PDB file of N, CA and C in Angstrom:
ATOM      1  N   MET A   1      63.822  60.219   2.188  1.00  0.00           N
ATOM      2  CA  MET A   1      63.183  58.936   2.007  1.00  0.00           C
ATOM      3  C   MET A   1      61.730  58.973   2.461  1.00  0.00           C
ATOM      4  N   ARG A   2      61.478  59.686   3.574  1.00  0.00           N
ATOM      5  CA  ARG A   2      60.103  59.791   4.060  1.00  0.00           C
ATOM      6  C   ARG A   2      59.203  60.471   3.046  1.00  0.00           C
ATOM      7  N   ILE A   3      59.731  61.447   2.349  1.00  0.00           N
ATOM      8  CA  ILE A   3      58.929  62.153   1.348  1.00  0.00           C
ATOM      9  C   ILE A   3      58.549  61.204   0.220  1.00  0.00           C
ATOM     10  N   LEU A   4      59.471  60.341  -0.190  1.00  0.00           N
ATOM     11  CA  LEU A   4      59.163  59.379  -1.243  1.00  0.00           C
ATOM     12  C   LEU A   4      58.098  58.382  -0.795  1.00  0.00           C
ATOM     13  N   VAL A   5      58.169  57.950   0.452  1.00  0.00           N
ATOM     14  CA  VAL A   5      57.176  57.012   0.969  1.00  0.00           C
ATOM     15  C   VAL A   5      55.802  57.672   0.993  1.00  0.00           C
ATOM     16  N   TRP A   6      55.732  58.909   1.475  1.00  0.00           N
ATOM     17  CA  TRP A   6      54.445  59.603   1.505  1.00  0.00           C
ATOM     18  C   TRP A   6      53.952  59.916   0.097  1.00  0.00           C
ATOM     19  N   ALA A   7      54.847  60.214  -0.813  1.00  0.00           N
ATOM     20  CA  ALA A   7      54.435  60.452  -2.202  1.00  0.00           C
ATOM     21  C   ALA A   7      53.873  59.171  -2.819  1.00  0.00           C
ATOM     22  N   PHE A   8      54.504  58.034  -2.530  1.00  0.00           N
ATOM     23  CA  PHE A   8      53.987  56.760  -3.026  1.00  0.00           C
ATOM     24  C   PHE A   8      52.621  56.452  -2.431  1.00  0.00           C
ATOM     25  N   ARG A   9      52.457  56.699  -1.133  1.00  0.00           N
ATOM     26  CA  ARG A   9      51.162  56.464  -0.492  1.00  0.00           C
ATOM     27  C   ARG A   9      50.078  57.353  -1.096  1.00  0.00           C
ATOM     28  N   ALA A  10      50.407  58.622  -1.323  1.00  0.00           N
ATOM     29  CA  ALA A  10      49.437  59.542  -1.915  1.00  0.00           C
ATOM     30  C   ALA A  10      49.080  59.101  -3.328  1.00  0.00           C
ATOM     31  N   PHE A  11      50.076  58.684  -4.089  1.00  0.00           N
ATOM     32  CA  PHE A  11      49.817  58.196  -5.442  1.00  0.00           C
ATOM     33  C   PHE A  11      48.905  56.973  -5.422  1.00  0.00           C
ATOM     34  N   LEU A  12      49.192  56.059  -4.529  1.00  0.00           N
ATOM     35  CA  LEU A  12      48.383  54.851  -4.417  1.00  0.00           C
ATOM     36  C   LEU A  12      46.955  55.187  -4.000  1.00  0.00           C
ATOM     37  N   PHE A  13      46.798  56.085  -3.028  1.00  0.00           N
ATOM     38  CA  PHE A  13      45.468  56.476  -2.578  1.00  0.00           C
ATOM     39  C   PHE A  13      44.678  57.114  -3.709  1.00  0.00           C
ATOM     40  N   PHE A  14      45.260  58.071  -4.410  1.00  0.00           N
ATOM     41  CA  PHE A  14      44.529  58.755  -5.471  1.00  0.00           C
ATOM     42  C   PHE A  14      44.248  57.835  -6.653  1.00  0.00           C
ATOM     43  N   THR A  15      45.130  56.897  -6.918  1.00  0.00           N
ATOM     44  CA  THR A  15      44.877  55.924  -7.978  1.00  0.00           C
ATOM     45  C   THR A  15      43.684  55.049  -7.624  1.00  0.00           C
ATOM     46  N   LEU A  16      43.661  54.544  -6.390  1.00  0.00           N
ATOM     47  CA  LEU A  16      42.537  53.713  -5.959  1.00  0.00           C
ATOM     48  C   LEU A  16      41.245  54.521  -5.856  1.00  0.00           C
ATOM     49  N   PHE A  17      41.347  55.770  -5.452  1.00  0.00           N
ATOM     50  CA  PHE A  17      40.165  56.631  -5.378  1.00  0.00           C
ATOM     51  C   PHE A  17      39.600  56.882  -6.774  1.00  0.00           C
ATOM     52  N   ALA A  18      40.468  57.136  -7.746  1.00  0.00           N
ATOM     53  CA  ALA A  18      40.012  57.328  -9.126  1.00  0.00           C
ATOM     54  C   ALA A  18      39.408  56.037  -9.672  1.00  0.00           C
ATOM     55  N   PHE A  19      39.985  54.899  -9.328  1.00  0.00           N
ATOM     56  CA  PHE A  19      39.429  53.614  -9.740  1.00  0.00           C
ATOM     57  C   PHE A  19      38.020  53.444  -9.183  1.00  0.00           C
ATOM     58  N   ALA A  20      37.837  53.803  -7.921  1.00  0.00           N
ATOM     59  CA  ALA A  20      36.521  53.677  -7.299  1.00  0.00           C
ATOM     60  C   ALA A  20      35.512  54.610  -7.962  1.00  0.00           C
ATOM     61  N   LEU A  21      35.913  55.824  -8.274  1.00  0.00           N
ATOM     62  CA  LEU A  21      34.990  56.757  -8.923  1.00  0.00           C
ATOM     63  C   LEU A  21      34.639  56.316 -10.335  1.00  0.00           C
ATOM     64  N   ASN A  22      35.591  55.739 -11.050  1.00  0.00           N
ATOM     65  CA  ASN A  22      35.341  55.322 -12.431  1.00  0.00           C
ATOM     66  C   ASN A  22      34.565  54.012 -12.513  1.00  0.00           C
ATOM     67  N   ASN A  23      34.499  53.248 -11.436  1.00  0.00           N
ATOM     68  CA  ASN A  23      33.818  51.958 -11.444  1.00  0.00           C
ATOM     69  C   ASN A  23      32.679  51.927 -10.437  1.00  0.00           C
ATOM     70  N   SER A  24      31.867  52.941 -10.453  1.00  0.00           N
ATOM     71  CA  SER A  24      30.748  52.998  -9.509  1.00  0.00           C
ATOM     72  C   SER A  24      29.478  52.391 -10.099  1.00  0.00           C
ATOM     73  N   HIS A  25      29.551  51.813 -11.287  1.00  0.00           N
ATOM     74  CA  HIS A  25      28.387  51.188 -11.904  1.00  0.00           C
ATOM     75  C   HIS A  25      27.963  49.971 -11.100  1.00  0.00           C
ATOM     76  N   GLU A  26      26.675  49.717 -11.111  1.00  0.00           N
ATOM     77  CA  GLU A  26      26.153  48.569 -10.380  1.00  0.00           C
ATOM     78  C   GLU A  26      26.334  47.299 -11.198  1.00  0.00           C
ATOM     79  N   VAL A  27      26.777  46.249 -10.531  1.00  0.00           N
ATOM     80  CA  VAL A  27      26.944  44.960 -11.179  1.00  0.00           C
ATOM     81  C   VAL A  27      26.114  43.926 -10.423  1.00  0.00           C
ATOM     82  N   ILE A  28      25.855  42.814 -11.089  1.00  0.00           N
ATOM     83  CA  ILE A  28      25.108  41.721 -10.478  1.00  0.00           C
ATOM     84  C   ILE A  28      26.049  40.523 -10.349  1.00  0.00           C
ATOM     85  N   VAL A  29      26.206  40.051  -9.135  1.00  0.00           N
ATOM     86  CA  VAL A  29      26.983  38.844  -8.891  1.00  0.00           C
ATOM     87  C   VAL A  29      25.973  37.720  -8.726  1.00  0.00           C
ATOM     88  N   ARG A  30      26.028  36.746  -9.606  1.00  0.00           N
ATOM     89  CA  ARG A  30      25.061  35.643  -9.585  1.00  0.00           C
ATOM     90  C   ARG A  30      25.661  34.460  -8.818  1.00  0.00           C
ATOM     91  N   TRP A  31      24.938  34.008  -7.805  1.00  0.00           N
ATOM     92  CA  TRP A  31      25.346  32.894  -6.977  1.00  0.00           C
ATOM     93  C   TRP A  31      24.600  31.648  -7.420  1.00  0.00           C
ATOM     94  N   PHE A  32      24.720  30.598  -6.656  1.00  0.00           N
ATOM     95  CA  PHE A  32      24.025  29.354  -6.941  1.00  0.00           C
ATOM     96  C   PHE A  32      22.546  29.471  -6.580  1.00  0.00           C
ATOM     97  N   PHE A  33      21.744  28.595  -7.159  1.00  0.00           N
ATOM     98  CA  PHE A  33      20.326  28.466  -6.863  1.00  0.00           C
ATOM     99  C   PHE A  33      19.546  29.758  -7.110  1.00  0.00           C
ATOM    100  N   GLY A  34      19.943  30.517  -8.113  1.00  0.00           N
ATOM    101  CA  GLY A  34      19.213  31.715  -8.500  1.00  0.00           C
ATOM    102  C   GLY A  34      19.428  32.925  -7.614  1.00  0.00           C
ATOM    103  N   GLN A  35      20.330  32.843  -6.675  1.00  0.00           N
ATOM    104  CA  GLN A  35      20.614  33.978  -5.798  1.00  0.00           C
ATOM    105  C   GLN A  35      21.504  34.977  -6.541  1.00  0.00           C
ATOM    106  N   SER A  36      21.301  36.258  -6.285  1.00  0.00           N
ATOM    107  CA  SER A  36      22.140  37.283  -6.903  1.00  0.00           C
ATOM    108  C   SER A  36      22.372  38.413  -5.900  1.00  0.00           C
ATOM    109  N   TRP A  37      23.398  39.168  -6.167  1.00  0.00           N
ATOM    110  CA  TRP A  37      23.763  40.290  -5.304  1.00  0.00           C
ATOM    111  C   TRP A  37      24.072  41.482  -6.194  1.00  0.00           C
ATOM    112  N   ARG A  38      23.430  42.601  -5.941  1.00  0.00           N
ATOM    113  CA  ARG A  38      23.663  43.831  -6.700  1.00  0.00           C
ATOM    114  C   ARG A  38      24.484  44.790  -5.836  1.00  0.00           C
ATOM    115  N   ALA A  39      25.575  45.281  -6.394  1.00  0.00           N
ATOM    116  CA  ALA A  39      26.442  46.203  -5.655  1.00  0.00           C
ATOM    117  C   ALA A  39      27.316  46.949  -6.658  1.00  0.00           C
ATOM    118  N   PRO A  40      27.862  48.101  -6.255  1.00  0.00           N
ATOM    119  CA  PRO A  40      28.816  48.789  -7.124  1.00  0.00           C
ATOM    120  C   PRO A  40      30.051  47.912  -7.367  1.00  0.00           C
ATOM    121  N   LEU A  41      30.634  48.029  -8.537  1.00  0.00           N
ATOM    122  CA  LEU A  41      31.778  47.190  -8.911  1.00  0.00           C
ATOM    123  C   LEU A  41      32.929  47.341  -7.934  1.00  0.00           C
ATOM    124  N   VAL A  42      33.173  48.540  -7.456  1.00  0.00           N
ATOM    125  CA  VAL A  42      34.304  48.750  -6.549  1.00  0.00           C
ATOM    126  C   VAL A  42      34.096  47.988  -5.239  1.00  0.00           C
ATOM    127  N   ILE A  43      32.852  47.855  -4.782  1.00  0.00           N
ATOM    128  CA  ILE A  43      32.575  47.089  -3.563  1.00  0.00           C
ATOM    129  C   ILE A  43      32.831  45.603  -3.810  1.00  0.00           C
ATOM    130  N   VAL A  44      32.427  45.125  -4.976  1.00  0.00           N
ATOM    131  CA  VAL A  44      32.652  43.712  -5.316  1.00  0.00           C
ATOM    132  C   VAL A  44      34.158  43.419  -5.360  1.00  0.00           C
ATOM    133  N   VAL A  45      34.923  44.317  -5.959  1.00  0.00           N
ATOM    134  CA  VAL A  45      36.381  44.131  -6.031  1.00  0.00           C
ATOM    135  C   VAL A  45      36.986  44.182  -4.627  1.00  0.00           C
ATOM    136  N   LEU A  46      36.522  45.110  -3.794  1.00  0.00           N
ATOM    137  CA  LEU A  46      37.033  45.228  -2.431  1.00  0.00           C
ATOM    138  C   LEU A  46      36.722  43.981  -1.602  1.00  0.00           C
ATOM    139  N   VAL A  47      35.523  43.443  -1.744  1.00  0.00           N
ATOM    140  CA  VAL A  47      35.152  42.226  -1.017  1.00  0.00           C
ATOM    141  C   VAL A  47      36.006  41.045  -1.492  1.00  0.00           C
ATOM    142  N   ALA A  48      36.207  40.945  -2.805  1.00  0.00           N
ATOM    143  CA  ALA A  48      37.037  39.856  -3.331  1.00  0.00           C
ATOM    144  C   ALA A  48      38.475  39.977  -2.819  1.00  0.00           C
ATOM    145  N   PHE A  49      38.989  41.197  -2.761  1.00  0.00           N
ATOM    146  CA  PHE A  49      40.337  41.420  -2.228  1.00  0.00           C
ATOM    147  C   PHE A  49      40.409  41.023  -0.761  1.00  0.00           C
ATOM    148  N   GLY A  50      39.397  41.405   0.019  1.00  0.00           N
ATOM    149  CA  GLY A  50      39.363  41.051   1.445  1.00  0.00           C
ATOM    150  C   GLY A  50      39.319  39.555   1.661  1.00  0.00           C
ATOM    151  N   PHE A  51      38.480  38.847   0.867  1.00  0.00           N
ATOM    152  CA  PHE A  51      38.432  37.393   0.987  1.00  0.00           C
ATOM    153  C   PHE A  51      39.764  36.762   0.586  1.00  0.00           C
ATOM    154  N   GLY A  52      40.417  37.305  -0.413  1.00  0.00           N
ATOM    155  CA  GLY A  52      41.719  36.792  -0.821  1.00  0.00           C
ATOM    156  C   GLY A  52      42.770  36.975   0.266  1.00  0.00           C
ATOM    157  N   CYS A  53      42.770  38.143   0.905  1.00  0.00           N
ATOM    158  CA  CYS A  53      43.711  38.387   2.008  1.00  0.00           C
ATOM    159  C   CYS A  53      43.438  37.444   3.177  1.00  0.00           C
ATOM    160  N   ALA A  54      42.161  37.279   3.522  1.00  0.00           N
ATOM    161  CA  ALA A  54      41.809  36.388   4.624  1.00  0.00           C
ATOM    162  C   ALA A  54      42.210  34.952   4.309  1.00  0.00           C
ATOM    163  N   LEU A  55      41.991  34.512   3.086  1.00  0.00           N
ATOM    164  CA  LEU A  55      42.377  33.160   2.698  1.00  0.00           C
ATOM    165  C   LEU A  55      43.895  32.981   2.760  1.00  0.00           C
ATOM    166  N   GLY A  56      44.649  34.003   2.340  1.00  0.00           N
ATOM    167  CA  GLY A  56      46.105  33.942   2.421  1.00  0.00           C
ATOM    168  C   GLY A  56      46.598  33.847   3.853  1.00  0.00           C
ATOM    169  N   VAL A  57      45.999  34.618   4.748  1.00  0.00           N
ATOM    170  CA  VAL A  57      46.390  34.564   6.165  1.00  0.00           C
ATOM    171  C   VAL A  57      46.055  33.199   6.751  1.00  0.00           C
ATOM    172  N   LEU A  58      44.865  32.696   6.444  1.00  0.00           N
ATOM    173  CA  LEU A  58      44.481  31.378   6.965  1.00  0.00           C
ATOM    174  C   LEU A  58      45.383  30.273   6.427  1.00  0.00           C
ATOM    175  N   ALA A  59      45.862  30.427   5.206  1.00  0.00           N
ATOM    176  CA  ALA A  59      46.765  29.422   4.645  1.00  0.00           C
ATOM    177  C   ALA A  59      48.124  29.445   5.338  1.00  0.00           C
ATOM    178  N   MET A  60      48.513  30.582   5.913  1.00  0.00           N
ATOM    179  CA  MET A  60      49.809  30.695   6.571  1.00  0.00           C
ATOM    180  C   MET A  60      49.772  30.304   8.045  1.00  0.00           C
ATOM    181  N   VAL A  61      48.593  30.198   8.640  1.00  0.00           N
ATOM    182  CA  VAL A  61      48.481  29.918  10.074  1.00  0.00           C
ATOM    183  C   VAL A  61      49.195  28.629  10.484  1.00  0.00           C
ATOM    184  N   PRO A  62      49.044  27.505   9.770  1.00  0.00           N
ATOM    185  CA  PRO A  62      49.771  26.298  10.210  1.00  0.00           C
ATOM    186  C   PRO A  62      51.293  26.482  10.246  1.00  0.00           C
ATOM    187  N   ALA A  63      51.838  27.197   9.279  1.00  0.00           N
ATOM    188  CA  ALA A  63      53.285  27.449   9.290  1.00  0.00           C
ATOM    189  C   ALA A  63      53.671  28.335  10.466  1.00  0.00           C
ATOM    190  N   TRP A  64      52.839  29.337  10.773  1.00  0.00           N
ATOM    191  CA  TRP A  64      53.117  30.190  11.935  1.00  0.00           C
ATOM    192  C   TRP A  64      53.115  29.366  13.205  1.00  0.00           C
ATOM    193  N   TRP A  65      52.129  28.472  13.372  1.00  0.00           N
ATOM    194  CA  TRP A  65      52.069  27.628  14.560  1.00  0.00           C
ATOM    195  C   TRP A  65      53.295  26.738  14.665  1.00  0.00           C
ATOM    196  N   LYS A  66      53.736  26.199  13.535  1.00  0.00           N
ATOM    197  CA  LYS A  66      54.911  25.333  13.542  1.00  0.00           C
ATOM    198  C   LYS A  66      56.146  26.109  13.984  1.00  0.00           C
ATOM    199  N   HIS A  67      56.362  27.299  13.426  1.00  0.00           N
ATOM    200  CA  HIS A  67      57.531  28.099  13.788  1.00  0.00           C
ATOM    201  C   HIS A  67      57.449  28.567  15.233  1.00  0.00           C
ATOM    202  N   ARG A  68      56.241  28.859  15.699  1.00  0.00           N
ATOM    203  CA  ARG A  68      56.083  29.280  17.085  1.00  0.00           C
ATOM    204  C   ARG A  68      56.413  28.124  18.039  1.00  0.00           C
ATOM    205  N   ARG A  69      55.975  26.920  17.673  1.00  0.00           N
ATOM    206  CA  ARG A  69      56.263  25.745  18.488  1.00  0.00           C
ATOM    207  C   ARG A  69      57.769  25.486  18.540  1.00  0.00           C
ATOM    208  N   ILE A  70      58.448  25.618  17.389  1.00  0.00           N
ATOM    209  CA  ILE A  70      59.900  25.429  17.344  1.00  0.00           C
ATOM    210  C   ILE A  70      60.607  26.498  18.167  1.00  0.00           C
ATOM    211  N   ALA A  71      60.140  27.737  18.083  1.00  0.00           N
ATOM    212  CA  ALA A  71      60.767  28.823  18.840  1.00  0.00           C
ATOM    213  C   ALA A  71      60.599  28.614  20.334  1.00  0.00           C
ATOM    214  N   ARG A  72      59.441  28.114  20.747  1.00  0.00           N
ATOM    215  CA  ARG A  72      59.233  27.857  22.173  1.00  0.00           C
ATOM    216  C   ARG A  72      60.177  26.791  22.703  1.00  0.00           C
ATOM    217  N   ARG A  73      60.496  25.815  21.870  1.00  0.00           N
ATOM    218  CA  ARG A  73      61.406  24.748  22.299  1.00  0.00           C
ATOM    219  C   ARG A  73      62.844  25.242  22.415  1.00  0.00           C
ATOM    220  N   THR A  74      63.239  26.197  21.582  1.00  0.00           N
ATOM    221  CA  THR A  74      64.636  26.621  21.537  1.00  0.00           C
ATOM    222  C   THR A  74      64.936  27.841  22.389  1.00  0.00           C
ATOM    223  N   VAL A  75      63.963  28.675  22.675  1.00  0.00           N
ATOM    224  CA  VAL A  75      64.194  29.893  23.448  1.00  0.00           C
ATOM    225  C   VAL A  75      63.835  29.626  24.906  1.00  0.00           C
ATOM    226  N   PRO A  76      64.742  29.913  25.840  1.00  0.00           N
ATOM    227  CA  PRO A  76      64.428  29.682  27.254  1.00  0.00           C
ATOM    228  C   PRO A  76      63.354  30.649  27.727  1.00  0.00           C
ATOM    229  N   GLU A  77      62.506  30.169  28.640  1.00  0.00           N
ATOM    230  CA  GLU A  77      61.413  30.999  29.135  1.00  0.00           C
ATOM    231  C   GLU A  77      61.804  31.801  30.374  1.00  0.00           C
ATOM    232  N   SER A  78      62.827  31.380  31.097  1.00  0.00           N
ATOM    233  CA  SER A  78      63.215  32.107  32.303  1.00  0.00           C
ATOM    234  C   SER A  78      64.726  32.305  32.322  1.00  0.00           C
ATOM    235  N   ALA A  79      65.178  33.113  33.259  1.00  0.00           N
ATOM    236  CA  ALA A  79      66.616  33.385  33.392  1.00  0.00           C
ATOM    237  C   ALA A  79      67.363  32.149  33.860  1.00  0.00           C
ATOM    238  N   ASP A  80      66.712  31.279  34.645  1.00  0.00           N
ATOM    239  CA  ASP A  80      67.362  30.050  35.108  1.00  0.00           C
ATOM    240  C   ASP A  80      67.680  29.143  33.925  1.00  0.00           C
ATOM    241  N   ASP A  81      66.750  29.069  32.964  1.00  0.00           N
ATOM    242  CA  ASP A  81      66.988  28.260  31.773  1.00  0.00           C
ATOM    243  C   ASP A  81      68.094  28.863  30.917  1.00  0.00           C
ATOM    244  N   ALA A  82      68.182  30.199  30.898  1.00  0.00           N
ATOM    245  CA  ALA A  82      69.214  30.857  30.096  1.00  0.00           C
ATOM    246  C   ALA A  82      70.600  30.569  30.658  1.00  0.00           C
ATOM    247  N   ALA A  83      70.711  30.426  31.969  1.00  0.00           N
ATOM    248  CA  ALA A  83      72.011  30.141  32.577  1.00  0.00           C
ATOM    249  C   ALA A  83      72.473  28.734  32.232  1.00  0.00           C
ATOM    250  N   ALA A  84      71.549  27.847  31.941  1.00  0.00           N
ATOM    251  CA  ALA A  84      71.898  26.464  31.632  1.00  0.00           C
ATOM    252  C   ALA A  84      72.335  26.285  30.179  1.00  0.00           C
ATOM    253  N   LEU A  85      72.152  27.296  29.358  1.00  0.00           N
ATOM    254  CA  LEU A  85      72.554  27.192  27.958  1.00  0.00           C
ATOM    255  C   LEU A  85      74.071  27.196  27.830  1.00  0.00           C
ATOM    256  N   PRO A  86      74.599  26.541  26.813  1.00  0.00           N
ATOM    257  CA  PRO A  86      76.052  26.576  26.612  1.00  0.00           C
ATOM    258  C   PRO A  86      76.494  27.981  26.199  1.00  0.00           C
ATOM    259  N   PRO A  87      77.756  28.343  26.500  1.00  0.00           N
ATOM    260  CA  PRO A  87      78.230  29.677  26.139  1.00  0.00           C
ATOM    261  C   PRO A  87      78.303  29.845  24.623  1.00  0.00           C
ATOM    262  N   GLN A  88      78.181  31.092  24.174  1.00  0.00           N
ATOM    263  CA  GLN A  88      78.263  31.402  22.757  1.00  0.00           C
ATOM    264  C   GLN A  88      79.708  31.246  22.287  1.00  0.00           C
ATOM    265  N   PRO A  89      79.916  30.897  21.020  1.00  0.00           N
ATOM    266  CA  PRO A  89      81.287  30.764  20.522  1.00  0.00           C
ATOM    267  C   PRO A  89      82.019  32.102  20.535  1.00  0.00           C
ATOM    268  N   ALA A  90      83.336  32.013  20.685  1.00  0.00           N
ATOM    269  CA  ALA A  90      84.158  33.228  20.718  1.00  0.00           C
ATOM    270  C   ALA A  90      84.190  33.859  19.337  1.00  0.00           C
ATOM    271  N   VAL A  91      84.397  35.162  19.328  1.00  0.00           N
ATOM    272  CA  VAL A  91      84.457  35.901  18.071  1.00  0.00           C
ATOM    273  C   VAL A  91      85.833  35.683  17.457  1.00  0.00           C
ATOM    274  N   SER A  92      85.847  35.238  16.198  1.00  0.00           N
ATOM    275  CA  SER A  92      87.130  34.983  15.554  1.00  0.00           C
ATOM    276  C   SER A  92      87.762  36.271  15.039  1.00  0.00           C
ATOM    277  N   ASN A  93      86.949  37.271  14.709  1.00  0.00           N
ATOM    278  CA  ASN A  93      87.467  38.536  14.215  1.00  0.00           C
ATOM    279  C   ASN A  93      87.149  39.593  15.273  1.00  0.00           C
ATOM    280  N   PRO A  94      88.148  40.090  16.006  1.00  0.00           N
ATOM    281  CA  PRO A  94      87.863  41.034  17.098  1.00  0.00           C
ATOM    282  C   PRO A  94      87.318  42.380  16.621  1.00  0.00           C
ATOM    283  N   THR A  95      87.468  42.708  15.330  1.00  0.00           N
ATOM    284  CA  THR A  95      86.945  43.994  14.855  1.00  0.00           C
ATOM    285  C   THR A  95      85.455  43.932  14.585  1.00  0.00           C
ATOM    286  N   MET A  96      84.897  42.730  14.436  1.00  0.00           N
ATOM    287  CA  MET A  96      83.472  42.576  14.167  1.00  0.00           C
ATOM    288  C   MET A  96      82.788  42.080  15.430  1.00  0.00           C
ATOM    289  N   PRO A  97      81.965  42.909  16.086  1.00  0.00           N
ATOM    290  CA  PRO A  97      81.301  42.459  17.313  1.00  0.00           C
ATOM    291  C   PRO A  97      80.273  41.381  16.999  1.00  0.00           C
ATOM    292  N   TYR A  98      80.150  40.424  17.865  1.00  0.00           N
ATOM    293  CA  TYR A  98      79.185  39.333  17.708  1.00  0.00           C
ATOM    294  C   TYR A  98      78.015  39.600  18.637  1.00  0.00           C
ATOM    295  N   ASP A  99      76.827  39.753  18.080  1.00  0.00           N
ATOM    296  CA  ASP A  99      75.677  40.037  18.907  1.00  0.00           C
ATOM    297  C   ASP A  99      74.754  38.843  19.050  1.00  0.00           C
ATOM    298  N   GLY A 100      75.210  37.675  18.655  1.00  0.00           N
ATOM    299  CA  GLY A 100      74.439  36.466  18.854  1.00  0.00           C
ATOM    300  C   GLY A 100      73.387  36.191  17.806  1.00  0.00           C
ATOM    301  N   ILE A 101      73.377  36.968  16.747  1.00  0.00           N
ATOM    302  CA  ILE A 101      72.369  36.765  15.690  1.00  0.00           C
ATOM    303  C   ILE A 101      73.004  36.039  14.532  1.00  0.00           C
TER     304      ILE A 101
END
């Protein structure tokens, strides 16, 4: 399995490397008010990808905060709080161990 993962990584790297070599032409990105930016196409694509990833992470932050807040309320912070929790239900099937998940 490790060989397949490394083969996939190598394939992905060489594909992206070939893409970068084939798209090294300079492009002009025109902004507002007559501003422009000249850069190789692969850099423009990489910057757009980075901004997309950053925007996706920022869009997920409120959900992460919500889940973190809920987890803090339900998970005890100390051993004293853990002792106050009700006991876990008994295992109905003795052949299947219950690990609390």
